[in-house]
Amino acid sequence: MSSATARNEKRPSSSPDASELPDGGTWPRGISREPVMKIGQVVDLLKVEFPALSISKVRYLEGEGLISPHRVGNGYRRYSQADLERLRYALAVQRDEYLPLHVIRERLARLDTDADAPAPQPIARVVARDGKIVDDGPMDLEALLAHSGASESQIEELVSIGLVSPDVRGRYSQQNLRTVRLALEITRKGVPLRNLRAVRASAEREADTIDQAVAPRRSRSRSAGEETARELAELVADLHTILLRRAVDSLG
């Protein structure tokens, strides 16, 4: 049994049984399901939005149950426009909301079974006072404060514990903005900002483990090593979420 087959058997598909689906089939509805694209064509079409996308990444997401492309007689995958849009959504929420794959699967499953579910909306774009879109570029402290709702002292504390890092020009990335928003939400639930230092330290330990695992592959091919590292990070994040939930459930 191949590793991909084994993973498919272990992973629940995001698509429910046909009897559970509303008219129109799985999400997205009203889009062509004719399998006319090869995997390379899908990657080329999505690379504009997701430059790091690769063929192995698409196959990995298939193995995780996010898409189910058609297989032709020789076993090759063929993708429809609906498959492409499903992939685009999964990649976008993974990039913009940092969602683990099991949460993305759950979202897709809800979209599949609920014909009245609202169409997913893109993350709101951050616009500076001069009207320039800054969601993919750096912003100054004033913009970070305005769009995160944080105080300057809170940003200073997040910088001091290593969760947020301005660049050499004192500007902050969109990733920093999302980090600040998450940190503030956690704080509103009762966890002091200073306690998030432990979360950062845990992430760094996990990153060290991944770095050691991919070092041999990176020595042969940097791009292959980075791709494997990203895939491992997703798996570790999924595992971390499961273990954390189990630990929290045992508290009561």
Protein backbone atom coordinates (compact mmCIF):
# COMPACT_ATOMS: atom_id res chain seq x y z
CA MET A 1 0.00 0.00 0.00
CA SER A 2 1.39 3.39 -0.96
CA SER A 3 1.81 6.11 1.64
CA ALA A 4 -0.75 8.25 -0.20
CA THR A 5 -3.30 5.42 -0.15
CA ALA A 6 -2.67 4.80 3.52
CA ARG A 7 -3.14 8.47 4.31
CA ASN A 8 -6.41 8.55 2.39
CA GLU A 9 -7.68 5.62 4.43
CA LYS A 10 -6.77 7.35 7.68
CA ARG A 11 -7.99 10.81 6.76
CA PRO A 12 -11.73 11.57 6.60
CA SER A 13 -12.79 13.03 3.28
CA SER A 14 -14.24 16.52 3.33
CA SER A 15 -16.97 15.27 0.97
CA PRO A 16 -19.92 13.51 2.63
CA ASP A 17 -21.93 10.66 1.12
CA ALA A 18 -24.01 11.55 -1.91
CA SER A 19 -27.22 10.95 0.06
CA GLU A 20 -26.24 13.76 2.44
CA LEU A 21 -25.63 16.32 -0.28
CA PRO A 22 -28.13 18.96 -1.36
CA ASP A 23 -29.08 19.39 -5.00
CA GLY A 24 -26.05 20.57 -6.93
CA GLY A 25 -23.56 18.28 -5.20
CA THR A 26 -20.53 19.36 -3.23
CA TRP A 27 -19.37 22.95 -2.89
CA PRO A 28 -18.76 25.03 -4.97
CA ARG A 29 -22.05 24.67 -6.82
CA GLY A 30 -22.92 25.97 -10.22
CA ILE A 31 -19.35 25.56 -11.50
CA SER A 32 -18.18 23.12 -14.16
CA ARG A 33 -17.21 19.68 -12.90
CA GLU A 34 -15.87 18.50 -16.22
CA PRO A 35 -12.40 17.03 -15.54
CA VAL A 36 -10.37 18.78 -18.22
CA MET A 37 -7.21 20.00 -16.44
CA LYS A 38 -4.01 18.17 -15.60
CA ILE A 39 -2.41 18.77 -12.23
CA GLY A 40 0.31 20.94 -13.77
CA GLN A 41 -2.30 23.21 -15.33
CA VAL A 42 -4.02 23.64 -11.95
CA VAL A 43 -0.72 24.57 -10.32
CA ASP A 44 0.06 27.08 -13.07
CA LEU A 45 -3.34 28.75 -12.70
CA LEU A 46 -3.06 29.06 -8.92
CA LYS A 47 0.60 30.06 -8.75
CA VAL A 48 -0.30 33.68 -9.44
CA GLU A 49 -2.04 33.83 -6.06
CA PHE A 50 0.05 31.18 -4.31
CA PRO A 51 3.63 31.33 -5.65
CA ALA A 52 4.88 28.52 -3.41
CA LEU A 53 2.29 26.03 -4.70
CA SER A 54 3.69 22.83 -6.16
CA ILE A 55 2.38 19.61 -7.64
CA SER A 56 3.29 17.69 -4.49
CA LYS A 57 1.40 20.25 -2.39
CA VAL A 58 -1.77 19.67 -4.46
CA ARG A 59 -1.35 15.92 -4.08
CA TYR A 60 -0.80 16.38 -0.36
CA LEU A 61 -4.07 18.33 -0.01
CA GLU A 62 -5.83 15.62 -1.96
CA GLY A 63 -4.41 13.05 0.44
CA GLU A 64 -5.75 15.14 3.32
CA GLY A 65 -9.26 14.88 1.91
CA LEU A 66 -9.74 18.45 0.71
CA ILE A 67 -10.32 17.62 -2.96
CA SER A 68 -11.28 14.52 -4.94
CA PRO A 69 -10.14 14.88 -8.56
CA HIS A 70 -11.39 12.53 -11.26
CA ARG A 71 -9.13 9.61 -12.20
CA VAL A 72 -8.91 8.56 -15.84
CA GLY A 73 -8.23 5.02 -16.99
CA ASN A 74 -4.45 5.20 -16.59
CA GLY A 75 -4.77 6.55 -13.03
CA TYR A 76 -3.85 10.14 -13.84
CA ARG A 77 -5.72 12.91 -12.07
CA ARG A 78 -7.95 15.28 -13.97
CA TYR A 79 -9.32 18.42 -12.36
CA SER A 80 -12.42 20.50 -12.96
CA GLN A 81 -13.01 24.21 -12.42
CA ALA A 82 -14.88 23.24 -9.24
CA ASP A 83 -11.79 21.38 -7.99
CA LEU A 84 -9.67 24.45 -8.71
CA GLU A 85 -12.01 26.75 -6.77
CA ARG A 86 -12.08 24.33 -3.84
CA LEU A 87 -8.29 24.33 -3.82
CA ARG A 88 -8.18 28.12 -4.05
CA TYR A 89 -10.43 28.41 -1.00
CA ALA A 90 -8.38 25.90 1.03
CA LEU A 91 -5.09 27.62 0.18
CA ALA A 92 -6.50 31.09 0.90
CA VAL A 93 -7.81 30.30 4.38
CA GLN A 94 -4.65 28.41 5.20
CA ARG A 95 -2.60 31.46 4.22
CA ASP A 96 -4.88 34.20 5.55
CA GLU A 97 -6.32 32.60 8.68
CA TYR A 98 -3.58 30.07 9.53
CA LEU A 99 -6.21 27.35 9.88
CA PRO A 100 -5.07 23.75 10.43
CA LEU A 101 -6.20 21.29 7.79
CA HIS A 102 -8.77 19.55 9.97
CA VAL A 103 -10.60 22.87 10.45
CA ILE A 104 -10.52 23.50 6.68
CA ARG A 105 -11.97 20.02 6.14
CA GLU A 106 -14.76 20.79 8.61
CA ARG A 107 -15.55 24.07 6.85
CA LEU A 108 -15.69 22.38 3.47
CA ALA A 109 -17.91 19.63 4.86
CA ARG A 110 -20.38 22.24 6.14
CA LEU A 111 -20.37 23.97 2.76
CA ASP A 112 -20.98 20.60 1.09
CA THR A 113 -24.02 19.67 3.17
CA ASP A 114 -25.66 23.08 3.58
CA ALA A 115 -26.94 24.52 0.33
CA ASP A 116 -27.95 27.70 2.14
CA ALA A 117 -24.51 28.33 3.67
CA PRO A 118 -23.21 31.75 2.64
CA ALA A 119 -20.37 31.75 0.16
CA PRO A 120 -16.99 32.20 1.87
CA GLN A 121 -15.88 35.80 1.89
CA PRO A 122 -12.26 36.88 1.39
CA ILE A 123 -10.37 38.35 4.32
CA ALA A 124 -10.93 42.09 4.50
CA ARG A 125 -8.07 43.98 2.92
CA VAL A 126 -6.21 46.49 5.05
CA VAL A 127 -6.16 50.00 3.56
CA ALA A 128 -3.89 52.73 4.84
CA ARG A 129 -4.92 56.38 5.19
CA ASP A 130 -3.45 57.19 1.78
CA GLY A 131 -5.74 54.62 0.18
CA LYS A 132 -3.01 52.08 -0.58
CA ILE A 133 -3.74 48.43 0.06
CA VAL A 134 -1.28 47.10 2.60
CA ASP A 135 -2.55 43.58 3.27
CA ASP A 136 0.38 42.06 1.38
CA GLY A 137 2.98 44.62 2.41
CA PRO A 138 4.45 46.22 5.50
CA MET A 139 2.71 48.87 7.59
CA ASP A 140 3.95 51.36 10.13
CA LEU A 141 3.13 51.25 13.84
CA GLU A 142 0.26 53.69 13.45
CA ALA A 143 -1.43 51.47 10.87
CA LEU A 144 -0.80 48.36 12.97
CA LEU A 145 -2.43 50.00 15.99
CA ALA A 146 -5.39 51.18 13.92
CA HIS A 147 -6.11 47.85 12.26
CA SER A 148 -5.43 45.58 15.23
CA GLY A 149 -7.08 47.58 17.98
CA ALA A 150 -4.00 47.12 20.17
CA SER A 151 -2.41 49.77 22.33
CA GLU A 152 1.21 50.80 21.85
CA SER A 153 2.12 49.20 25.18
CA GLN A 154 0.59 45.90 24.03
CA ILE A 155 2.61 45.98 20.82
CA GLU A 156 5.75 46.70 22.85
CA GLU A 157 5.03 43.70 25.06
CA LEU A 158 4.43 41.42 22.07
CA VAL A 159 7.73 42.58 20.57
CA SER A 160 9.54 41.98 23.85
CA ILE A 161 8.31 38.37 24.11
CA GLY A 162 9.14 37.67 20.47
CA LEU A 163 5.66 37.25 18.98
CA VAL A 164 5.88 40.35 16.79
CA SER A 165 8.97 41.64 14.98
CA PRO A 166 9.21 44.88 13.00
CA ASP A 167 11.62 44.97 10.10
CA VAL A 168 14.75 47.12 10.01
CA ARG A 169 12.62 50.13 9.01
CA GLY A 170 10.28 49.63 11.95
CA ARG A 171 7.44 48.36 9.76
CA TYR A 172 5.17 45.37 10.40
CA SER A 173 4.05 42.62 8.06
CA GLN A 174 0.52 41.34 7.54
CA GLN A 175 1.55 38.24 9.49
CA ASN A 176 2.38 40.52 12.42
CA LEU A 177 -1.11 42.03 12.17
CA ARG A 178 -2.75 38.61 12.32
CA THR A 179 -0.53 37.65 15.24
CA VAL A 180 -1.53 40.75 17.18
CA ARG A 181 -5.22 40.11 16.54
CA LEU A 182 -4.93 36.50 17.72
CA ALA A 183 -2.93 37.53 20.80
CA LEU A 184 -5.54 40.12 21.76
CA GLU A 185 -8.36 37.61 21.35
CA ILE A 186 -6.50 35.15 23.58
CA THR A 187 -5.96 37.89 26.13
CA ARG A 188 -9.67 38.72 26.12
CA LYS A 189 -10.27 35.07 27.09
CA GLY A 190 -8.11 35.53 30.18
CA VAL A 191 -4.53 34.67 29.17
CA PRO A 192 -2.02 37.47 29.87
CA LEU A 193 0.14 38.49 26.93
CA ARG A 194 3.32 37.57 28.84
CA ASN A 195 2.15 33.94 29.02
CA LEU A 196 2.25 33.69 25.24
CA ARG A 197 6.04 33.46 25.48
CA ALA A 198 5.51 29.75 26.18
CA VAL A 199 3.52 29.39 22.94
CA ARG A 200 6.35 30.98 20.98
CA ALA A 201 8.93 28.73 22.66
CA SER A 202 6.84 25.64 21.84
CA ALA A 203 6.60 26.67 18.18
CA GLU A 204 10.36 27.19 18.02
CA ARG A 205 11.01 23.73 19.47
CA GLU A 206 8.68 22.19 16.90
CA ALA A 207 10.44 24.15 14.15
CA ASP A 208 13.80 22.78 15.35
CA THR A 209 12.42 19.25 15.12
CA ILE A 210 11.23 19.87 11.57
CA ASP A 211 14.54 21.50 10.61
CA GLN A 212 16.49 18.44 11.76
CA ALA A 213 14.15 16.14 9.85
CA VAL A 214 14.47 17.97 6.52
CA ALA A 215 18.18 18.81 6.75
CA PRO A 216 19.29 15.85 4.59
CA ARG A 217 16.76 16.69 1.88
CA ARG A 218 17.57 20.40 2.02
CA SER A 219 21.26 19.59 1.48
CA ARG A 220 20.31 17.97 -1.84
CA SER A 221 17.64 20.44 -2.91
CA ARG A 222 16.75 23.61 -1.05
CA SER A 223 13.34 23.89 -2.68
CA ALA A 224 12.48 20.26 -1.89
CA GLY A 225 13.60 20.76 1.71
CA GLU A 226 11.45 23.86 2.12
CA GLU A 227 8.44 22.13 0.63
CA THR A 228 8.83 19.15 2.97
CA ALA A 229 9.24 21.52 5.90
CA ARG A 230 5.94 23.24 5.05
CA GLU A 231 4.14 19.92 4.78
CA LEU A 232 5.60 18.75 8.07
CA ALA A 233 4.58 22.02 9.71
CA GLU A 234 0.97 21.42 8.66
CA LEU A 235 1.03 17.88 10.05
CA VAL A 236 2.63 18.98 13.30
CA ALA A 237 0.08 21.79 13.63
CA ASP A 238 -2.77 19.30 13.19
CA LEU A 239 -1.24 16.95 15.75
CA HIS A 240 -0.62 19.82 18.18
CA THR A 241 -4.26 20.89 17.92
CA ILE A 242 -5.52 17.37 18.65
CA LEU A 243 -3.20 16.93 21.63
CA LEU A 244 -4.02 20.35 23.02
CA ARG A 245 -7.75 19.71 22.80
CA ARG A 246 -7.31 16.34 24.47
CA ALA A 247 -5.29 17.94 27.26
CA VAL A 248 -7.90 20.68 27.74
CA ASP A 249 -10.74 18.15 27.77
CA SER A 250 -8.99 16.25 30.56
CA LEU A 251 -8.85 19.34 32.78
CA GLY A 252 -12.45 19.05 33.83
